[in-house]
Amino acid sequence: MTQSQDLPPGGIEALTAELLRLGRQLDRAERPEDLANVLTPIVNRSHGALHLIAQIFDVIATTCADFGVQDPYANDLQDLCCDAYSDLTDLRDRFNGLDEQFRTFSPDVTRIPRGRRPVRPW
């Protein structure tokens, strides 16, 4: 199987474990800076989760190209994976630095406890 330089063997399992850890950290977030700490490993342009997930689709697309001669359906899957790669890299580029925006909040801003939050109109 083709391997991306950014996706080492076992990288998918490590990525999954990291995303689960970040989900737990998100549940405990009390301040905007806590959210920044959750976002940093997701949006980091060079080695964040969005980047690594994009690399997974790149590897799958490359592998599908190897099967394309034998099964035309693999070409359709390759196209879908290429689209996913492109969309994810666009998101990665768009959200790069989003974590830093959360660090600009005043240090005394804290999370409103559940049950006391205003109802959103949407």
N, C-alpha and C. Protein backbone atom coordinates (compact mmCIF):
# COMPACT_ATOMS: atom_id res chain seq x y z
N MET A 1 0.83 -1.18 0.00
CA MET A 1 0.00 0.00 0.00
C MET A 1 0.88 1.24 0.00
N THR A 2 0.45 2.23 -0.73
CA THR A 2 1.16 3.50 -0.77
C THR A 2 1.02 4.19 0.58
N GLN A 3 2.09 4.78 1.05
CA GLN A 3 2.05 5.51 2.32
C GLN A 3 2.40 6.97 2.07
N SER A 4 1.65 7.86 2.66
CA SER A 4 1.99 9.27 2.62
C SER A 4 3.13 9.52 3.59
N GLN A 5 3.96 10.49 3.28
CA GLN A 5 5.05 10.87 4.17
C GLN A 5 4.51 11.31 5.53
N ASP A 6 3.31 11.92 5.52
CA ASP A 6 2.74 12.46 6.75
C ASP A 6 1.94 11.44 7.54
N LEU A 7 1.70 10.28 6.98
CA LEU A 7 0.86 9.28 7.63
C LEU A 7 1.67 8.02 7.87
N PRO A 8 2.33 7.94 9.01
CA PRO A 8 3.16 6.77 9.30
C PRO A 8 2.31 5.54 9.55
N PRO A 9 2.88 4.35 9.45
CA PRO A 9 2.12 3.14 9.78
C PRO A 9 1.57 3.26 11.20
N GLY A 10 0.34 2.89 11.37
CA GLY A 10 -0.31 3.02 12.68
C GLY A 10 -0.84 4.42 12.93
N GLY A 11 -0.68 5.31 11.96
CA GLY A 11 -1.11 6.70 12.13
C GLY A 11 -2.61 6.86 12.28
N ILE A 12 -3.38 6.00 11.65
CA ILE A 12 -4.83 6.11 11.74
C ILE A 12 -5.29 5.82 13.17
N GLU A 13 -4.72 4.80 13.79
CA GLU A 13 -5.09 4.47 15.17
C GLU A 13 -4.70 5.60 16.12
N ALA A 14 -3.52 6.16 15.92
CA ALA A 14 -3.07 7.26 16.77
C ALA A 14 -3.96 8.49 16.57
N LEU A 15 -4.36 8.75 15.33
CA LEU A 15 -5.23 9.87 15.04
C LEU A 15 -6.59 9.69 15.72
N THR A 16 -7.13 8.49 15.64
CA THR A 16 -8.41 8.20 16.28
C THR A 16 -8.33 8.40 17.79
N ALA A 17 -7.28 7.90 18.39
CA ALA A 17 -7.10 8.06 19.84
C ALA A 17 -6.98 9.54 20.21
N GLU A 18 -6.27 10.30 19.40
CA GLU A 18 -6.10 11.73 19.67
C GLU A 18 -7.43 12.46 19.55
N LEU A 19 -8.23 12.13 18.54
CA LEU A 19 -9.53 12.78 18.38
C LEU A 19 -10.46 12.46 19.55
N LEU A 20 -10.42 11.25 20.04
CA LEU A 20 -11.22 10.89 21.22
C LEU A 20 -10.76 11.68 22.44
N ARG A 21 -9.46 11.81 22.61
CA ARG A 21 -8.92 12.59 23.73
C ARG A 21 -9.35 14.05 23.63
N LEU A 22 -9.31 14.60 22.42
CA LEU A 22 -9.71 15.99 22.22
C LEU A 22 -11.20 16.18 22.50
N GLY A 23 -12.01 15.18 22.15
CA GLY A 23 -13.44 15.24 22.45
C GLY A 23 -13.69 15.32 23.94
N ARG A 24 -12.96 14.54 24.72
CA ARG A 24 -13.09 14.60 26.18
C ARG A 24 -12.62 15.96 26.70
N GLN A 25 -11.54 16.46 26.13
CA GLN A 25 -11.02 17.76 26.54
C GLN A 25 -12.03 18.86 26.20
N LEU A 26 -12.70 18.74 25.09
CA LEU A 26 -13.72 19.71 24.68
C LEU A 26 -14.88 19.74 25.67
N ASP A 27 -15.28 18.58 26.15
CA ASP A 27 -16.36 18.51 27.14
C ASP A 27 -16.01 19.27 28.41
N ARG A 28 -14.72 19.34 28.74
CA ARG A 28 -14.28 20.01 29.97
C ARG A 28 -13.88 21.47 29.75
N ALA A 29 -13.96 21.95 28.52
CA ALA A 29 -13.53 23.32 28.21
C ALA A 29 -14.37 24.34 28.98
N GLU A 30 -13.70 25.24 29.63
CA GLU A 30 -14.39 26.28 30.41
C GLU A 30 -14.13 27.69 29.87
N ARG A 31 -13.02 27.87 29.14
CA ARG A 31 -12.64 29.19 28.64
C ARG A 31 -12.31 29.10 27.16
N PRO A 32 -12.34 30.22 26.45
CA PRO A 32 -11.97 30.21 25.03
C PRO A 32 -10.58 29.62 24.79
N GLU A 33 -9.64 29.87 25.70
CA GLU A 33 -8.29 29.32 25.54
C GLU A 33 -8.31 27.79 25.58
N ASP A 34 -9.23 27.22 26.37
CA ASP A 34 -9.38 25.76 26.38
C ASP A 34 -9.79 25.26 25.00
N LEU A 35 -10.68 26.01 24.34
CA LEU A 35 -11.08 25.63 22.98
C LEU A 35 -9.91 25.75 22.02
N ALA A 36 -9.09 26.77 22.20
CA ALA A 36 -7.90 26.92 21.36
C ALA A 36 -6.99 25.72 21.51
N ASN A 37 -6.86 25.23 22.74
CA ASN A 37 -6.00 24.06 22.97
C ASN A 37 -6.56 22.80 22.31
N VAL A 38 -7.89 22.72 22.17
CA VAL A 38 -8.50 21.60 21.46
C VAL A 38 -8.31 21.78 19.95
N LEU A 39 -8.47 23.00 19.47
CA LEU A 39 -8.39 23.25 18.03
C LEU A 39 -6.99 23.11 17.46
N THR A 40 -5.97 23.47 18.21
CA THR A 40 -4.61 23.48 17.69
C THR A 40 -4.23 22.15 17.03
N PRO A 41 -4.41 21.00 17.68
CA PRO A 41 -4.02 19.76 17.01
C PRO A 41 -4.95 19.35 15.87
N ILE A 42 -6.06 20.04 15.71
CA ILE A 42 -6.98 19.73 14.62
C ILE A 42 -6.65 20.58 13.40
N VAL A 43 -6.45 21.88 13.60
CA VAL A 43 -6.32 22.79 12.47
C VAL A 43 -4.88 23.10 12.06
N ASN A 44 -3.90 22.61 12.80
CA ASN A 44 -2.52 22.88 12.44
C ASN A 44 -2.26 22.46 11.00
N ARG A 45 -1.77 23.38 10.21
CA ARG A 45 -1.64 23.16 8.77
C ARG A 45 -0.66 22.05 8.40
N SER A 46 0.39 21.88 9.18
CA SER A 46 1.41 20.91 8.78
C SER A 46 1.23 19.52 9.38
N HIS A 47 0.58 19.40 10.53
CA HIS A 47 0.42 18.06 11.11
C HIS A 47 -0.84 17.91 11.95
N GLY A 48 -1.85 18.75 11.69
CA GLY A 48 -3.12 18.64 12.42
C GLY A 48 -3.99 17.52 11.88
N ALA A 49 -5.06 17.26 12.58
CA ALA A 49 -5.97 16.16 12.22
C ALA A 49 -6.56 16.35 10.82
N LEU A 50 -6.96 17.57 10.47
CA LEU A 50 -7.51 17.79 9.13
C LEU A 50 -6.48 17.43 8.07
N HIS A 51 -5.24 17.80 8.30
CA HIS A 51 -4.16 17.48 7.36
C HIS A 51 -3.98 15.96 7.24
N LEU A 52 -3.98 15.28 8.39
CA LEU A 52 -3.77 13.83 8.37
C LEU A 52 -4.95 13.09 7.74
N ILE A 53 -6.17 13.56 7.99
CA ILE A 53 -7.33 12.92 7.37
C ILE A 53 -7.29 13.13 5.86
N ALA A 54 -6.87 14.31 5.43
CA ALA A 54 -6.71 14.55 3.99
C ALA A 54 -5.69 13.59 3.41
N GLN A 55 -4.60 13.35 4.15
CA GLN A 55 -3.59 12.41 3.67
C GLN A 55 -4.13 10.99 3.54
N ILE A 56 -5.04 10.61 4.43
CA ILE A 56 -5.67 9.28 4.32
C ILE A 56 -6.40 9.17 2.99
N PHE A 57 -7.16 10.19 2.62
CA PHE A 57 -7.87 10.15 1.35
C PHE A 57 -6.92 10.19 0.16
N ASP A 58 -5.79 10.85 0.30
CA ASP A 58 -4.78 10.86 -0.75
C ASP A 58 -4.22 9.46 -0.96
N VAL A 59 -3.92 8.77 0.13
CA VAL A 59 -3.40 7.40 0.04
C VAL A 59 -4.44 6.47 -0.59
N ILE A 60 -5.70 6.62 -0.17
CA ILE A 60 -6.77 5.78 -0.73
C ILE A 60 -6.91 6.04 -2.23
N ALA A 61 -6.87 7.31 -2.64
CA ALA A 61 -6.99 7.64 -4.06
C ALA A 61 -5.84 7.04 -4.86
N THR A 62 -4.64 7.11 -4.32
CA THR A 62 -3.48 6.53 -5.00
C THR A 62 -3.62 5.02 -5.13
N THR A 63 -4.12 4.39 -4.07
CA THR A 63 -4.32 2.95 -4.10
C THR A 63 -5.42 2.57 -5.10
N CYS A 64 -6.48 3.36 -5.16
CA CYS A 64 -7.55 3.10 -6.13
C CYS A 64 -7.03 3.17 -7.56
N ALA A 65 -6.08 4.06 -7.81
CA ALA A 65 -5.50 4.15 -9.15
C ALA A 65 -4.84 2.83 -9.54
N ASP A 66 -4.27 2.13 -8.56
CA ASP A 66 -3.66 0.83 -8.85
C ASP A 66 -4.69 -0.21 -9.24
N PHE A 67 -5.93 -0.05 -8.75
CA PHE A 67 -7.00 -1.02 -9.05
C PHE A 67 -7.80 -0.64 -10.30
N GLY A 68 -7.67 0.63 -10.74
CA GLY A 68 -8.50 1.15 -11.82
C GLY A 68 -8.47 0.35 -13.10
N VAL A 69 -7.34 -0.23 -13.43
CA VAL A 69 -7.22 -1.02 -14.66
C VAL A 69 -8.11 -2.26 -14.58
N GLN A 70 -8.25 -2.82 -13.39
CA GLN A 70 -9.00 -4.06 -13.21
C GLN A 70 -10.49 -3.83 -12.97
N ASP A 71 -10.85 -2.69 -12.43
CA ASP A 71 -12.25 -2.44 -12.09
C ASP A 71 -12.55 -0.96 -12.25
N PRO A 72 -13.42 -0.60 -13.19
CA PRO A 72 -13.71 0.82 -13.42
C PRO A 72 -14.36 1.51 -12.21
N TYR A 73 -14.99 0.73 -11.32
CA TYR A 73 -15.57 1.31 -10.11
C TYR A 73 -14.49 1.96 -9.25
N ALA A 74 -13.29 1.43 -9.30
CA ALA A 74 -12.18 2.01 -8.54
C ALA A 74 -11.90 3.43 -9.01
N ASN A 75 -12.13 3.71 -10.29
CA ASN A 75 -11.94 5.08 -10.79
C ASN A 75 -12.94 6.04 -10.14
N ASP A 76 -14.19 5.58 -9.96
CA ASP A 76 -15.19 6.41 -9.28
C ASP A 76 -14.78 6.68 -7.84
N LEU A 77 -14.30 5.64 -7.16
CA LEU A 77 -13.84 5.81 -5.78
C LEU A 77 -12.64 6.74 -5.71
N GLN A 78 -11.76 6.61 -6.69
CA GLN A 78 -10.59 7.49 -6.73
C GLN A 78 -11.04 8.95 -6.86
N ASP A 79 -12.02 9.19 -7.76
CA ASP A 79 -12.52 10.56 -7.93
C ASP A 79 -13.12 11.10 -6.63
N LEU A 80 -13.90 10.27 -5.94
CA LEU A 80 -14.49 10.69 -4.67
C LEU A 80 -13.42 11.00 -3.62
N CYS A 81 -12.41 10.17 -3.57
CA CYS A 81 -11.33 10.39 -2.61
C CYS A 81 -10.52 11.64 -2.96
N CYS A 82 -10.32 11.88 -4.24
CA CYS A 82 -9.63 13.11 -4.66
C CYS A 82 -10.45 14.34 -4.27
N ASP A 83 -11.78 14.25 -4.43
CA ASP A 83 -12.65 15.35 -4.01
C ASP A 83 -12.57 15.56 -2.50
N ALA A 84 -12.58 14.46 -1.74
CA ALA A 84 -12.48 14.55 -0.28
C ALA A 84 -11.15 15.19 0.11
N TYR A 85 -10.08 14.76 -0.52
CA TYR A 85 -8.76 15.34 -0.25
C TYR A 85 -8.77 16.84 -0.50
N SER A 86 -9.31 17.23 -1.64
CA SER A 86 -9.35 18.65 -1.99
C SER A 86 -10.20 19.45 -1.00
N ASP A 87 -11.37 18.93 -0.65
CA ASP A 87 -12.25 19.62 0.31
C ASP A 87 -11.58 19.74 1.67
N LEU A 88 -10.93 18.68 2.13
CA LEU A 88 -10.28 18.71 3.44
C LEU A 88 -9.08 19.67 3.46
N THR A 89 -8.32 19.70 2.38
CA THR A 89 -7.20 20.65 2.36
C THR A 89 -7.70 22.09 2.29
N ASP A 90 -8.85 22.30 1.61
CA ASP A 90 -9.45 23.64 1.61
C ASP A 90 -9.86 24.04 3.03
N LEU A 91 -10.51 23.11 3.76
CA LEU A 91 -10.89 23.38 5.15
C LEU A 91 -9.67 23.62 6.02
N ARG A 92 -8.65 22.79 5.84
CA ARG A 92 -7.41 22.95 6.60
C ARG A 92 -6.84 24.34 6.40
N ASP A 93 -6.79 24.79 5.15
CA ASP A 93 -6.23 26.10 4.85
C ASP A 93 -7.12 27.22 5.41
N ARG A 94 -8.43 27.00 5.34
CA ARG A 94 -9.38 28.02 5.83
C ARG A 94 -9.32 28.16 7.35
N PHE A 95 -9.19 27.05 8.06
CA PHE A 95 -9.24 27.07 9.52
C PHE A 95 -7.86 27.17 10.17
N ASN A 96 -6.80 27.17 9.38
CA ASN A 96 -5.47 27.33 9.94
C ASN A 96 -5.41 28.66 10.70
N GLY A 97 -5.04 28.60 11.95
CA GLY A 97 -4.97 29.80 12.77
C GLY A 97 -6.24 30.10 13.55
N LEU A 98 -7.29 29.31 13.33
CA LEU A 98 -8.54 29.52 14.07
C LEU A 98 -8.31 29.42 15.57
N ASP A 99 -7.44 28.52 15.96
CA ASP A 99 -7.14 28.36 17.39
C ASP A 99 -6.62 29.66 17.99
N GLU A 100 -5.81 30.38 17.25
CA GLU A 100 -5.25 31.63 17.76
C GLU A 100 -6.33 32.70 17.97
N GLN A 101 -7.39 32.65 17.18
CA GLN A 101 -8.47 33.61 17.36
C GLN A 101 -9.15 33.44 18.72
N PHE A 102 -9.22 32.20 19.20
CA PHE A 102 -9.82 31.96 20.51
C PHE A 102 -8.92 32.46 21.63
N ARG A 103 -7.66 32.62 21.37
CA ARG A 103 -6.73 33.12 22.40
C ARG A 103 -6.83 34.63 22.57
N THR A 104 -7.60 35.32 21.72
CA THR A 104 -7.73 36.76 21.81
C THR A 104 -8.84 37.20 22.76
N PHE A 105 -9.64 36.28 23.25
CA PHE A 105 -10.70 36.61 24.19
C PHE A 105 -10.11 37.09 25.51
N SER A 106 -10.87 37.86 26.24
CA SER A 106 -10.47 38.30 27.58
C SER A 106 -10.33 37.06 28.48
N PRO A 107 -9.33 37.03 29.35
CA PRO A 107 -9.13 35.86 30.21
C PRO A 107 -10.28 35.60 31.18
N ASP A 108 -11.15 36.58 31.42
CA ASP A 108 -12.25 36.36 32.35
C ASP A 108 -13.52 35.82 31.69
N VAL A 109 -13.49 35.58 30.38
CA VAL A 109 -14.63 34.99 29.69
C VAL A 109 -14.66 33.50 30.02
N THR A 110 -15.81 33.03 30.52
CA THR A 110 -15.97 31.61 30.87
C THR A 110 -17.25 31.06 30.27
N ARG A 111 -17.36 29.78 30.32
CA ARG A 111 -18.50 29.06 29.75
C ARG A 111 -19.74 29.26 30.62
N ILE A 112 -20.88 29.49 29.98
CA ILE A 112 -22.15 29.58 30.69
C ILE A 112 -22.59 28.16 31.01
N PRO A 113 -22.94 27.88 32.27
CA PRO A 113 -23.36 26.52 32.62
C PRO A 113 -24.59 26.07 31.84
N ARG A 114 -24.65 24.78 31.56
CA ARG A 114 -25.82 24.21 30.87
C ARG A 114 -27.06 24.53 31.69
N GLY A 115 -28.16 24.77 30.99
CA GLY A 115 -29.40 25.10 31.67
C GLY A 115 -29.58 26.60 31.84
N ARG A 116 -28.51 27.36 31.75
CA ARG A 116 -28.59 28.82 31.88
C ARG A 116 -28.21 29.50 30.57
N ARG A 117 -27.98 28.71 29.53
CA ARG A 117 -27.61 29.27 28.24
C ARG A 117 -28.86 29.81 27.53
N PRO A 118 -28.70 30.93 26.80
CA PRO A 118 -29.84 31.44 26.03
C PRO A 118 -30.18 30.48 24.88
N VAL A 119 -31.44 30.42 24.54
CA VAL A 119 -31.89 29.56 23.43
C VAL A 119 -31.45 30.19 22.12
N ARG A 120 -30.86 29.39 21.27
CA ARG A 120 -30.41 29.89 19.96
C ARG A 120 -31.61 29.94 19.02
N PRO A 121 -31.67 30.96 18.16
CA PRO A 121 -32.81 31.10 17.27
C PRO A 121 -32.81 30.11 16.09
N TRP A 122 -31.75 29.37 15.90
CA TRP A 122 -31.71 28.44 14.76
C TRP A 122 -31.90 27.03 15.15
